[in-house]
Amino acid sequence: MREPNSMTRPTWVLIVDDQTLVREGLRKLLELEADIEISGTAGDGEAAIAAVERLHQAGTPPDVILMDIRMPRCAYRDPDDVR
């Protein structure tokens, strides 16, 4: 279990990808690392936002969000694409 304010705590990662194979593959690879813990996964942008809100409310926000930028229900916009 995650210990808040621990100096030796792992890096908590939220994985977001609409492809289950990619999402679960990344989970399996990252679970092999001793200093990384998976805080959760999500299959689209809306689920990612909900997961981050839930984790923040619980006092355990992810340190890193590993997120595909092209997937359903995601409001990503390339900043260079403003016209």
Protein backbone atom coordinates (compact mmCIF):
# COMPACT_ATOMS: atom_id res chain seq x y z
CA MET A 1 0.00 0.00 0.00
CA ARG A 2 1.15 3.52 -0.73
CA GLU A 3 2.62 5.48 2.18
CA PRO A 4 2.10 9.26 1.90
CA ASN A 5 5.20 11.42 2.40
CA SER A 6 7.54 8.41 2.39
CA MET A 7 11.04 9.27 1.20
CA THR A 8 11.42 5.85 -0.42
CA ARG A 9 7.98 5.50 -1.91
CA PRO A 10 7.60 4.24 -5.48
CA THR A 11 6.56 6.33 -8.45
CA TRP A 12 2.81 5.92 -8.97
CA VAL A 13 1.69 5.66 -12.61
CA LEU A 14 -1.76 5.88 -14.20
CA ILE A 15 -1.86 4.16 -17.62
CA VAL A 16 -4.35 5.48 -20.19
CA ASP A 17 -4.84 3.85 -23.60
CA ASP A 18 -7.91 2.78 -25.56
CA GLN A 19 -6.25 -0.45 -26.69
CA THR A 20 -6.51 -3.10 -23.98
CA LEU A 21 -3.47 -5.01 -25.25
CA VAL A 22 -1.26 -1.92 -25.06
CA ARG A 23 -2.66 -0.85 -21.69
CA GLU A 24 -2.22 -4.28 -20.09
CA GLY A 25 1.16 -4.81 -21.75
CA LEU A 26 2.46 -1.58 -20.27
CA ARG A 27 1.01 -2.56 -16.90
CA LYS A 28 2.82 -5.93 -16.98
CA LEU A 29 6.13 -4.35 -17.98
CA LEU A 30 5.96 -1.60 -15.38
CA GLU A 31 4.94 -4.01 -12.62
CA LEU A 32 8.36 -5.66 -13.05
CA GLU A 33 10.06 -2.47 -11.83
CA ALA A 34 10.60 -2.34 -8.07
CA ASP A 35 10.28 1.45 -7.87
CA ILE A 36 7.05 1.77 -9.93
CA GLU A 37 3.50 1.06 -8.79
CA ILE A 38 0.41 1.21 -11.00
CA SER A 39 -2.22 3.47 -9.45
CA GLY A 40 -4.77 2.51 -12.10
CA THR A 41 -5.67 2.25 -15.76
CA ALA A 42 -8.26 3.90 -17.99
CA GLY A 43 -9.51 3.22 -21.51
CA ASP A 44 -10.37 6.75 -22.64
CA GLY A 45 -9.94 10.41 -21.77
CA GLU A 46 -13.09 10.71 -19.67
CA ALA A 47 -12.18 7.63 -17.62
CA ALA A 48 -8.68 9.08 -17.12
CA ILE A 49 -10.08 12.34 -15.75
CA ALA A 50 -12.42 10.41 -13.44
CA ALA A 51 -9.51 8.24 -12.23
CA VAL A 52 -7.30 11.26 -11.50
CA GLU A 53 -10.13 12.99 -9.62
CA ARG A 54 -10.81 9.83 -7.59
CA LEU A 55 -7.12 9.35 -6.79
CA HIS A 56 -6.73 13.02 -5.78
CA GLN A 57 -9.78 12.80 -3.50
CA ALA A 58 -8.27 9.71 -1.87
CA GLY A 59 -5.03 11.64 -1.31
CA THR A 60 -3.07 9.35 -3.62
CA PRO A 61 -2.68 11.15 -6.97
CA PRO A 62 -0.47 9.56 -9.63
CA ASP A 63 3.03 10.95 -10.05
CA VAL A 64 2.98 10.15 -13.78
CA ILE A 65 0.17 9.70 -16.31
CA LEU A 66 1.28 7.56 -19.23
CA MET A 67 -1.33 8.48 -21.85
CA ASP A 68 -1.95 7.82 -25.53
CA ILE A 69 -2.73 11.15 -27.19
CA ARG A 70 -5.10 9.70 -29.82
CA MET A 71 -8.05 7.87 -28.35
CA PRO A 72 -11.82 8.11 -27.94
CA ARG A 73 -13.37 10.70 -25.64
CA CYS A 74 -10.18 12.66 -25.22
CA ALA A 75 -10.04 16.43 -25.66
CA TYR A 76 -6.35 16.58 -26.64
CA ARG A 77 -5.48 19.31 -29.12
CA ASP A 78 -2.10 19.99 -30.61
CA PRO A 79 -1.14 23.52 -29.50
CA ASP A 80 0.46 24.10 -32.92
CA ASP A 81 -2.87 23.33 -34.60
CA VAL A 82 -4.62 26.53 -33.50
CA ARG A 83 -6.01 28.40 -36.50
